[in-house]
N, C-alpha and C. Protein backbone atom coordinates (compact mmCIF):
# COMPACT_ATOMS: atom_id res chain seq x y z
N MET A 1 18.24 20.03 31.62
CA MET A 1 18.63 20.94 30.90
C MET A 1 18.37 22.85 30.76
N PRO A 2 18.95 23.20 31.13
CA PRO A 2 18.45 24.53 31.05
C PRO A 2 17.78 24.98 30.45
N GLU A 3 17.00 25.91 29.64
CA GLU A 3 15.90 25.94 28.83
C GLU A 3 16.90 26.90 27.94
N ASN A 4 18.08 27.60 28.16
CA ASN A 4 18.73 28.46 27.25
C ASN A 4 19.69 27.70 26.55
N VAL A 5 19.94 26.38 26.73
CA VAL A 5 21.15 25.53 26.05
C VAL A 5 20.30 25.23 24.93
N HIS A 6 21.07 25.17 23.46
CA HIS A 6 20.02 24.41 22.30
C HIS A 6 20.99 23.68 21.77
N THR A 7 20.38 22.45 21.60
CA THR A 7 21.56 20.94 21.50
C THR A 7 20.89 20.36 19.86
N LYS A 8 21.78 19.51 19.41
CA LYS A 8 21.76 18.85 18.25
C LYS A 8 21.21 17.32 18.67
N TRP A 9 21.90 17.39 20.05
CA TRP A 9 21.62 15.91 20.45
C TRP A 9 20.21 15.65 21.29
N LEU A 10 19.89 14.45 21.19
CA LEU A 10 18.45 14.39 21.32
C LEU A 10 18.12 13.22 22.53
N THR A 11 17.75 12.90 23.45
CA THR A 11 17.25 11.83 24.46
C THR A 11 16.56 10.99 23.37
N LEU A 12 16.02 9.81 23.44
CA LEU A 12 15.38 8.61 23.06
C LEU A 12 14.23 9.47 22.62
N ALA A 13 13.25 9.86 24.25
CA ALA A 13 11.74 10.59 24.02
C ALA A 13 12.04 11.93 23.01
N GLU A 14 13.01 12.54 23.15
CA GLU A 14 13.30 13.62 22.41
C GLU A 14 13.33 13.29 20.24
N ALA A 15 14.10 12.24 20.68
CA ALA A 15 13.69 11.61 19.02
C ALA A 15 12.91 11.41 18.43
N ALA A 16 12.18 10.39 19.84
CA ALA A 16 10.80 9.13 18.93
C ALA A 16 10.06 10.85 18.69
N ALA A 17 9.89 11.62 19.81
CA ALA A 17 8.94 12.64 19.54
C ALA A 17 9.62 13.84 18.06
N TYR A 18 10.79 14.15 17.71
CA TYR A 18 11.39 14.72 16.52
C TYR A 18 11.05 13.55 14.99
N MET A 19 10.83 12.96 15.41
CA MET A 19 10.64 11.72 14.27
C MET A 19 9.20 10.92 14.19
N ARG A 20 8.49 11.85 14.91
CA ARG A 20 7.15 11.22 15.31
C ARG A 20 6.80 9.54 15.15
N CYS A 21 7.73 8.47 15.93
CA CYS A 21 7.50 7.43 16.12
C CYS A 21 7.05 7.37 18.02
N SER A 22 7.56 5.82 18.12
CA SER A 22 6.97 5.54 19.34
C SER A 22 8.46 5.46 20.04
N PRO A 23 8.83 5.55 21.51
CA PRO A 23 9.85 5.50 21.70
C PRO A 23 10.72 3.83 22.41
N ARG A 24 9.95 3.23 21.82
CA ARG A 24 10.12 1.44 21.27
C ARG A 24 10.43 1.30 20.32
N PHE A 25 10.28 1.86 19.24
CA PHE A 25 10.33 1.56 17.65
C PHE A 25 11.93 1.86 17.78
N LEU A 26 12.29 3.31 18.38
CA LEU A 26 13.69 3.60 18.03
C LEU A 26 14.43 2.94 19.04
N GLN A 27 13.98 2.21 20.04
CA GLN A 27 14.72 1.05 21.36
C GLN A 27 14.79 0.15 20.26
N GLU A 28 14.26 -0.52 19.49
CA GLU A 28 14.30 -2.07 18.72
C GLU A 28 15.67 -1.50 17.88
N MET A 29 15.17 -0.56 17.03
CA MET A 29 16.33 0.40 15.64
C MET A 29 18.10 0.13 16.86
N VAL A 30 17.77 0.21 17.85
CA VAL A 30 19.07 0.71 18.71
C VAL A 30 19.94 -0.62 18.72
N ALA A 31 18.41 -1.04 19.38
CA ALA A 31 18.88 -2.62 19.38
C ALA A 31 19.73 -3.42 18.61
N ASN A 32 18.50 -3.36 17.60
CA ASN A 32 19.22 -3.92 16.08
C ASN A 32 20.45 -3.30 15.37
N LYS A 33 20.72 -1.77 15.99
CA LYS A 33 21.94 -1.17 15.30
C LYS A 33 21.79 -0.71 13.67
N ARG A 34 20.41 -0.18 13.88
CA ARG A 34 19.96 0.46 12.64
C ARG A 34 19.85 1.81 12.71
N ILE A 35 19.88 2.16 13.49
CA ILE A 35 20.25 3.60 14.22
C ILE A 35 21.42 4.22 14.39
N ALA A 36 21.92 5.52 13.95
CA ALA A 36 23.37 5.82 14.73
C ALA A 36 22.91 6.22 16.18
N HIS A 37 23.64 6.48 16.46
CA HIS A 37 23.37 6.21 18.08
C HIS A 37 24.37 6.56 19.37
N SER A 38 24.45 7.29 20.35
CA SER A 38 26.00 7.49 21.06
C SER A 38 25.44 7.08 22.59
N SER A 39 26.16 6.39 23.02
CA SER A 39 25.57 5.89 24.42
C SER A 39 26.53 6.84 25.13
N PHE A 40 25.99 7.43 26.40
CA PHE A 40 26.99 8.64 27.14
C PHE A 40 25.74 8.43 28.45
N ALA A 41 26.30 8.74 29.61
CA ALA A 41 26.32 8.77 30.53
C ALA A 41 25.11 8.19 31.17
N GLY A 42 25.23 6.39 30.60
CA GLY A 42 23.67 6.02 30.64
C GLY A 42 22.98 5.91 29.75
N LYS A 43 22.67 7.20 29.19
CA LYS A 43 21.81 7.34 28.21
C LYS A 43 21.90 7.38 26.68
N VAL A 44 21.19 7.03 25.71
CA VAL A 44 21.28 6.83 24.15
C VAL A 44 20.80 8.32 23.90
N LEU A 45 21.96 8.90 23.03
CA LEU A 45 21.71 10.10 22.26
C LEU A 45 21.58 9.76 20.94
N PHE A 46 21.03 10.85 20.00
CA PHE A 46 20.75 10.94 19.11
C PHE A 46 21.33 12.07 18.46
N HIS A 47 21.94 11.99 17.04
CA HIS A 47 22.44 13.59 16.42
C HIS A 47 21.18 14.02 15.87
N GLN A 48 20.46 14.88 15.48
CA GLN A 48 19.52 15.54 14.69
C GLN A 48 20.35 15.21 13.62
N ASP A 49 21.17 15.57 12.89
CA ASP A 49 21.53 15.58 11.74
C ASP A 49 21.31 13.36 11.47
N ASN A 50 21.68 12.93 12.34
CA ASN A 50 21.22 11.68 11.19
C ASN A 50 20.39 11.04 11.42
N LEU A 51 19.46 11.77 12.28
CA LEU A 51 17.58 11.64 12.02
C LEU A 51 17.31 11.99 11.07
N ASP A 52 17.41 13.55 10.06
CA ASP A 52 17.46 14.06 9.37
C ASP A 52 17.54 12.76 8.10
N ALA A 53 18.77 12.51 8.53
CA ALA A 53 19.31 11.76 6.90
C ALA A 53 18.50 10.66 6.60
N LEU A 54 18.35 9.50 7.93
CA LEU A 54 18.08 8.49 8.06
C LEU A 54 15.82 8.68 7.48
N LEU A 55 15.28 9.71 7.84
CA LEU A 55 14.14 9.98 7.40
C LEU A 55 14.80 10.57 5.93
N PHE A 56 15.32 10.81 5.21
CA PHE A 56 15.43 11.49 3.93
C PHE A 56 15.82 10.20 2.72
N GLN A 57 16.24 8.97 4.03
CA GLN A 57 16.83 7.45 3.08
C GLN A 57 15.26 7.10 3.08
N HIS A 58 14.15 7.35 3.71
CA HIS A 58 13.05 6.69 3.34
C HIS A 58 12.14 7.77 2.89
N GLN A 59 12.69 8.85 2.65
CA GLN A 59 11.67 9.51 1.57
C GLN A 59 11.13 9.27 0.45
N VAL A 60 10.30 8.86 -0.13
CA VAL A 60 9.21 8.97 -1.26
C VAL A 60 8.90 9.68 -2.29
N PRO A 61 10.12 9.39 -3.91
CA PRO A 61 10.45 10.78 -4.58
C PRO A 61 9.00 10.84 -5.35
N VAL A 62 8.77 11.98 -5.81
CA VAL A 62 7.59 12.31 -6.54
C VAL A 62 7.94 12.13 -8.31
N LYS A 63 6.87 11.74 -8.58
CA LYS A 63 6.73 10.93 -10.03
C LYS A 63 7.38 12.26 -10.86
N PRO A 64 8.17 11.87 -11.83
CA PRO A 64 8.75 13.60 -12.74
C PRO A 64 7.36 13.57 -13.59
N GLU A 65 6.82 14.36 -13.94
CA GLU A 65 5.74 15.23 -14.31
C GLU A 65 5.32 14.37 -15.79
N ASP A 66 6.16 14.07 -16.64
CA ASP A 66 5.29 13.20 -17.52
C ASP A 66 5.25 12.04 -17.42
N GLU A 67 4.99 10.70 -16.21
CA GLU A 67 4.30 9.98 -15.62
C GLU A 67 3.30 10.22 -14.88
N ALA A 68 3.43 11.52 -14.50
CA ALA A 68 2.44 11.91 -13.04
C ALA A 68 0.98 11.81 -14.16
N LYS A 69 -0.05 11.35 -13.33
CA LYS A 69 -1.41 11.00 -13.91
C LYS A 69 -2.11 11.95 -12.50
N LYS A 70 -2.99 12.81 -12.75
CA LYS A 70 -4.13 13.41 -11.98
C LYS A 70 -5.00 12.16 -11.64
N PRO A 71 -5.45 11.69 -10.40
CA PRO A 71 -5.89 10.86 -10.02
C PRO A 71 -7.25 10.65 -10.73
N ASP A 72 -7.72 9.01 -11.07
CA ASP A 72 -8.64 8.92 -11.75
C ASP A 72 -8.72 9.35 -13.26
N ASP A 73 -7.69 9.43 -13.67
CA ASP A 73 -7.51 10.27 -14.89
C ASP A 73 -8.54 9.09 -16.33
N ASP A 74 -8.24 7.67 -15.92
CA ASP A 74 -8.88 6.56 -17.12
C ASP A 74 -10.45 6.66 -16.46
N VAL A 75 -10.65 6.66 -15.53
CA VAL A 75 -11.79 6.24 -15.04
C VAL A 75 -12.84 7.63 -14.23
N ALA A 76 -12.56 8.83 -14.78
CA ALA A 76 -13.79 9.58 -13.83
C ALA A 76 -14.85 9.57 -14.86
N GLY A 77 -15.98 9.58 -14.19
CA GLY A 77 -17.38 9.63 -14.98
C GLY A 77 -17.76 8.18 -15.41
N LYS A 78 -16.89 7.00 -15.06
CA LYS A 78 -17.63 5.90 -15.46
C LYS A 78 -18.40 5.02 -14.36
N GLU A 79 -19.02 4.03 -14.34
CA GLU A 79 -19.71 3.64 -14.01
C GLU A 79 -19.50 2.30 -13.86
N ALA A 80 -18.90 1.46 -15.03
CA ALA A 80 -18.40 0.14 -15.38
C ALA A 80 -17.38 -0.07 -16.35
N PHE A 81 -16.67 -1.04 -16.13
CA PHE A 81 -15.26 -1.04 -17.02
C PHE A 81 -15.19 -2.42 -17.91
N GLU A 82 -15.06 -2.43 -18.99
CA GLU A 82 -15.41 -3.59 -19.78
C GLU A 82 -14.53 -4.77 -19.76
N ILE A 83 -15.15 -5.82 -19.80
CA ILE A 83 -14.02 -7.45 -19.97
C ILE A 83 -13.85 -7.05 -21.46
N VAL A 84 -12.48 -7.30 -21.64
CA VAL A 84 -11.93 -8.14 -23.02
C VAL A 84 -12.60 -9.28 -23.11
N PRO A 85 -13.21 -9.17 -24.74
CA PRO A 85 -14.25 -10.07 -25.15
C PRO A 85 -13.65 -11.87 -25.13
N ASP A 86 -12.41 -12.20 -25.10
CA ASP A 86 -12.01 -13.16 -25.11
C ASP A 86 -11.02 -13.97 -23.97
N CYS A 87 -12.20 -13.25 -22.99
CA CYS A 87 -11.40 -13.47 -21.59
C CYS A 87 -11.68 -14.65 -21.21
N ASP A 88 -10.22 -15.50 -20.50
CA ASP A 88 -10.44 -17.11 -19.91
C ASP A 88 -10.91 -17.05 -19.10
N LEU A 89 -12.21 -17.34 -19.36
CA LEU A 89 -13.11 -17.11 -17.99
C LEU A 89 -12.72 -18.62 -16.92
N ALA A 90 -12.77 -19.51 -17.52
CA ALA A 90 -12.60 -20.59 -16.66
C ALA A 90 -11.32 -20.65 -15.70
N ARG A 91 -10.03 -19.86 -15.98
CA ARG A 91 -8.92 -19.37 -15.69
C ARG A 91 -9.41 -18.11 -14.20
N VAL A 92 -10.24 -16.97 -15.07
CA VAL A 92 -10.28 -16.21 -14.02
C VAL A 92 -11.45 -16.93 -13.16
N ASN A 93 -12.27 -17.58 -13.30
CA ASN A 93 -13.03 -18.32 -11.79
C ASN A 93 -11.86 -19.35 -10.94
N ALA A 94 -10.99 -20.01 -11.74
CA ALA A 94 -10.51 -20.33 -10.63
C ALA A 94 -9.22 -19.27 -9.98
N LEU A 95 -8.86 -18.65 -10.27
CA LEU A 95 -7.90 -17.71 -9.87
C LEU A 95 -9.25 -16.66 -8.31
N ILE A 96 -10.56 -16.49 -8.48
CA ILE A 96 -11.53 -16.12 -8.02
C ILE A 96 -11.79 -16.87 -6.83
N GLU A 97 -11.84 -17.88 -7.09
CA GLU A 97 -11.92 -18.99 -6.53
C GLU A 97 -10.80 -19.60 -5.15
N GLU A 98 -9.37 -19.18 -5.42
CA GLU A 98 -8.26 -19.38 -5.18
C GLU A 98 -7.97 -18.33 -3.43
N LEU A 99 -8.63 -17.05 -4.24
CA LEU A 99 -8.75 -15.75 -3.31
C LEU A 99 -10.01 -15.71 -1.95
N ILE A 100 -11.12 -16.63 -2.62
CA ILE A 100 -12.36 -17.04 -1.91
C ILE A 100 -11.68 -18.07 -0.50
N GLN A 101 -11.02 -19.13 -1.22
CA GLN A 101 -10.66 -19.87 -0.28
C GLN A 101 -9.02 -19.71 0.60
N ARG A 102 -9.18 -18.64 0.20
CA ARG A 102 -7.74 -18.30 1.44
C ARG A 102 -8.32 -17.98 2.72
N LYS A 103 -9.71 -17.41 2.81
CA LYS A 103 -10.57 -17.80 4.13
C LYS A 103 -9.53 -16.58 5.33
N GLU A 104 -8.93 -15.65 4.49
CA GLU A 104 -8.68 -14.26 4.97
C GLU A 104 -9.55 -13.03 4.74
N ARG A 105 -10.11 -12.48 5.30
CA ARG A 105 -11.29 -11.80 5.67
C ARG A 105 -11.32 -10.72 4.13
N PHE A 106 -10.77 -9.68 4.48
CA PHE A 106 -10.61 -8.86 2.77
C PHE A 106 -10.10 -9.78 1.66
N VAL A 107 -9.49 -10.58 1.74
CA VAL A 107 -9.01 -11.75 0.40
C VAL A 107 -10.13 -12.46 -0.05
N SER A 108 -10.87 -12.68 0.93
CA SER A 108 -11.83 -13.51 0.31
C SER A 108 -12.73 -12.84 -0.05
N GLY A 109 -12.87 -11.07 0.41
CA GLY A 109 -14.35 -10.56 0.26
C GLY A 109 -13.69 -9.71 -1.17
N LEU A 110 -12.47 -10.01 -1.46
CA LEU A 110 -12.44 -9.67 -2.93
C LEU A 110 -13.06 -10.51 -3.81
N GLY A 111 -12.45 -11.32 -3.50
CA GLY A 111 -12.75 -12.87 -4.43
C GLY A 111 -14.36 -12.91 -4.16
N GLU A 112 -15.46 -12.56 -3.42
CA GLU A 112 -16.52 -12.55 -2.93
C GLU A 112 -17.19 -11.90 -3.99
N ASN A 113 -16.58 -10.43 -3.52
CA ASN A 113 -17.46 -9.45 -4.91
C ASN A 113 -16.81 -9.94 -6.24
N LEU A 114 -15.83 -9.75 -6.62
CA LEU A 114 -15.65 -10.18 -7.86
C LEU A 114 -16.72 -11.26 -8.93
N LYS A 115 -16.42 -12.58 -7.79
CA LYS A 115 -17.47 -12.70 -8.45
C LYS A 115 -18.92 -12.90 -8.68
N GLU A 116 -19.54 -11.89 -7.54
CA GLU A 116 -20.86 -11.56 -7.32
C GLU A 116 -21.17 -10.78 -8.53
N ASP A 117 -20.18 -9.78 -9.02
CA ASP A 117 -20.47 -8.84 -9.75
C ASP A 117 -20.35 -8.95 -10.95
N LEU A 118 -18.97 -9.65 -11.52
CA LEU A 118 -19.22 -10.68 -12.72
C LEU A 118 -20.28 -11.10 -13.06
N GLU A 119 -20.63 -12.28 -12.37
CA GLU A 119 -21.84 -12.97 -12.48
C GLU A 119 -23.18 -12.11 -12.38
N ARG A 120 -23.20 -11.42 -12.11
CA ARG A 120 -24.48 -10.17 -12.43
C ARG A 120 -24.39 -9.68 -13.24
N ARG A 121 -23.38 -9.16 -13.97
CA ARG A 121 -22.89 -8.75 -14.97
C ARG A 121 -22.62 -9.72 -16.28
N GLU A 122 -22.63 -10.90 -16.07
CA GLU A 122 -22.95 -11.62 -17.13
C GLU A 122 -21.20 -11.55 -17.75
N TYR A 123 -20.44 -11.08 -17.12
CA TYR A 123 -18.90 -11.19 -17.14
C TYR A 123 -18.65 -10.51 -18.87
N LYS A 124 -19.62 -9.52 -18.96
CA LYS A 124 -18.97 -8.24 -19.83
C LYS A 124 -18.44 -6.71 -19.45
N THR A 125 -18.99 -6.61 -18.02
CA THR A 125 -18.24 -5.41 -16.91
C THR A 125 -18.21 -5.72 -15.77
N LEU A 126 -17.21 -4.84 -15.23
CA LEU A 126 -17.20 -5.28 -13.73
C LEU A 126 -17.62 -3.48 -13.25
N SER A 127 -18.03 -3.77 -12.34
CA SER A 127 -18.75 -2.26 -11.39
C SER A 127 -16.96 -1.61 -11.33
N PHE A 128 -18.03 0.21 -11.05
CA PHE A 128 -16.45 0.90 -10.69
C PHE A 128 -16.19 0.35 -9.56
N LYS A 129 -16.78 0.22 -8.42
CA LYS A 129 -16.37 -0.30 -6.91
C LYS A 129 -15.51 -1.18 -6.62
N VAL A 130 -16.02 -2.88 -7.47
CA VAL A 130 -15.31 -3.74 -7.37
C VAL A 130 -13.81 -3.35 -8.46
N TYR A 131 -13.77 -2.55 -9.39
CA TYR A 131 -12.94 -2.46 -10.09
C TYR A 131 -11.95 -1.99 -9.44
N ALA A 132 -12.20 -0.45 -8.16
CA ALA A 132 -11.23 0.24 -7.71
C ALA A 132 -10.40 -0.56 -6.71
N GLN A 133 -11.79 -1.58 -6.09
CA GLN A 133 -10.83 -2.77 -4.85
C GLN A 133 -9.77 -3.77 -5.75
N LEU A 134 -10.64 -3.72 -6.92
CA LEU A 134 -9.54 -5.08 -7.37
C LEU A 134 -7.72 -4.22 -7.41
N SER A 135 -8.31 -2.84 -8.01
CA SER A 135 -7.15 -2.25 -8.30
C SER A 135 -6.18 -1.54 -7.04
N ARG A 136 -6.75 -1.82 -5.98
CA ARG A 136 -6.11 -1.05 -4.72
C ARG A 136 -5.86 -2.51 -4.59
N TRP A 137 -6.02 -3.62 -5.37
CA TRP A 137 -5.13 -5.05 -4.45
C TRP A 137 -3.78 -5.11 -5.81
N CYS A 138 -4.24 -4.52 -6.88
CA CYS A 138 -2.63 -4.84 -7.90
C CYS A 138 -1.85 -3.58 -6.96
N TRP A 139 -2.24 -3.00 -6.88
CA TRP A 139 -0.39 -1.59 -5.85
C TRP A 139 -1.28 -1.27 -4.23
N PRO A 140 -0.79 -2.22 -3.95
CA PRO A 140 -1.27 -1.88 -2.08
C PRO A 140 -0.17 -1.20 -1.79
N ASN A 141 -0.33 -0.53 -1.18
CA ASN A 141 0.71 0.76 -0.05
C ASN A 141 1.41 -0.01 1.15
N ARG A 142 1.01 -1.66 1.14
CA ARG A 142 2.04 -2.00 2.23
C ARG A 142 2.33 -3.33 1.55
N ASP A 143 4.12 -3.98 2.43
CA ASP A 143 4.24 -5.40 2.23
C ASP A 143 3.73 -5.82 2.91
N SER A 144 3.27 -7.43 2.80
CA SER A 144 3.26 -7.95 3.60
C SER A 144 2.98 -9.79 3.14
N SER A 145 2.81 -10.63 4.09
CA SER A 145 2.88 -12.03 3.21
C SER A 145 1.76 -12.26 2.32
N ARG A 146 0.63 -11.74 3.07
CA ARG A 146 -0.62 -11.55 2.53
C ARG A 146 -0.80 -10.86 0.90
N GLU A 147 -0.38 -9.57 0.85
CA GLU A 147 -0.27 -8.64 -0.14
C GLU A 147 0.79 -9.70 -1.28
N ARG A 148 1.59 -9.96 -0.79
CA ARG A 148 2.13 -10.62 -2.04
C ARG A 148 1.84 -11.93 -2.42
N TRP A 149 1.23 -12.59 -1.76
CA TRP A 149 0.21 -13.61 -2.18
C TRP A 149 -0.49 -13.22 -2.93
N VAL A 150 -1.17 -11.78 -2.14
CA VAL A 150 -2.42 -12.12 -3.44
C VAL A 150 -2.09 -11.35 -4.47
N GLN A 151 -1.14 -10.04 -4.80
CA GLN A 151 -0.36 -9.16 -5.81
C GLN A 151 -0.34 -10.29 -7.07
N PRO A 152 0.10 -11.54 -7.11
CA PRO A 152 0.08 -12.37 -8.53
C PRO A 152 -0.97 -13.02 -8.96
N ARG A 153 -1.74 -12.82 -8.03
CA ARG A 153 -3.02 -13.54 -8.20
C ARG A 153 -3.84 -12.10 -9.25
N VAL A 154 -3.99 -11.46 -8.91
CA VAL A 154 -4.99 -10.54 -8.77
C VAL A 154 -4.39 -9.27 -10.29
N HIS A 155 -2.58 -8.99 -10.53
CA HIS A 155 -2.41 -9.09 -11.76
C HIS A 155 -3.03 -9.98 -12.91
N GLU A 156 -2.43 -11.05 -12.77
CA GLU A 156 -3.40 -12.09 -13.97
C GLU A 156 -4.82 -12.29 -13.84
N LEU A 157 -5.54 -11.88 -12.69
CA LEU A 157 -7.06 -11.30 -13.22
C LEU A 157 -7.08 -10.11 -13.94
N SER A 158 -6.30 -9.09 -13.55
CA SER A 158 -6.54 -7.66 -14.54
C SER A 158 -5.84 -8.11 -15.68
N ARG A 159 -5.26 -8.57 -15.98
CA ARG A 159 -4.67 -8.83 -17.21
C ARG A 159 -5.90 -10.08 -17.92
N LEU A 160 -6.61 -10.92 -17.47
CA LEU A 160 -7.50 -11.49 -18.03
C LEU A 160 -8.29 -10.63 -18.24
N LEU A 161 -8.91 -9.64 -17.07
CA LEU A 161 -10.22 -8.83 -17.33
C LEU A 161 -10.27 -7.94 -18.42
N PHE A 162 -8.98 -6.91 -18.45
CA PHE A 162 -8.82 -6.14 -19.21
C PHE A 162 -7.69 -5.92 -19.92
N GLY A 163 -6.98 -6.76 -19.99
CA GLY A 163 -5.27 -6.64 -21.17
C GLY A 163 -4.32 -6.33 -20.83
N ARG A 164 -4.88 -5.58 -19.32
CA ARG A 164 -3.44 -5.14 -19.03
C ARG A 164 -3.70 -5.23 -17.21
N VAL A 165 -2.57 -4.32 -16.70
CA VAL A 165 -2.80 -4.66 -14.85
C VAL A 165 -3.40 -3.23 -14.81
N ILE A 166 -4.43 -3.45 -14.54
CA ILE A 166 -4.88 -1.64 -14.34
C ILE A 166 -4.15 -0.63 -13.46
N GLU A 167 -4.19 0.28 -13.26
CA GLU A 167 -3.72 1.92 -12.32
C GLU A 167 -4.49 1.66 -11.08
N ARG A 168 -3.70 2.01 -10.04
CA ARG A 168 -4.65 2.16 -8.89
C ARG A 168 -5.49 3.32 -8.67
N THR A 169 -6.81 3.30 -8.61
CA THR A 169 -7.64 4.28 -8.33
C THR A 169 -8.65 3.59 -7.34
N SER A 170 -9.54 4.88 -6.95
CA SER A 170 -10.08 4.96 -5.49
C SER A 170 -11.40 5.19 -5.54
N HIS A 171 -12.44 4.80 -5.30
CA HIS A 171 -13.44 4.55 -5.35
C HIS A 171 -14.47 5.69 -4.17
N PRO A 172 -15.59 6.66 -4.16
CA PRO A 172 -15.38 7.79 -3.29
C PRO A 172 -15.75 7.23 -2.33
N SER A 173 -16.72 5.82 -1.99
CA SER A 173 -16.92 5.17 -0.96
C SER A 173 -16.04 4.65 0.10
N TYR A 174 -14.40 5.08 -0.49
CA TYR A 174 -13.12 4.38 0.19
C TYR A 174 -12.62 6.06 1.04
N ALA A 175 -13.46 6.82 1.04
CA ALA A 175 -12.94 8.50 0.92
C ALA A 175 -13.43 8.44 2.79
N ARG A 176 -11.94 8.83 3.59
CA ARG A 176 -12.05 8.83 5.01
C ARG A 176 -12.88 10.14 5.71
């Protein structure tokens, strides 16, 4: 195409570059009729306005100011988190054992870390690092069958240990 011609119609490669995704991903979306496109002269073309609309459909909204919290507001400066005194330890241990028996590296790792930390601290507190690990499983960033299996168990664990489902937080060791 001559350099002085500007169009809002993009080829597959141009659309993939525009959307910052792979051409294969767009091909699959075309095959499954999940993205608006035109077929012309043996080429699949995408209108830039349709690509923008699709991206806006997937935009994550910002929390309203009154709901927004500064990161780690409730955990800043804490090294350990107190467990509620009337905690059902039998149920806690049963849930932890379910995590360990799952035999998936990260899931069983969470269970083992919880078990070790709780036993070492005599079921009175949980270290900041393990608390943060538990909180990340309570509110995962992705949706998969593994996360869907783990989430109800860690929500129950969180309620048993802290009387509520804890907010997602991060430990400095998770920084990239």
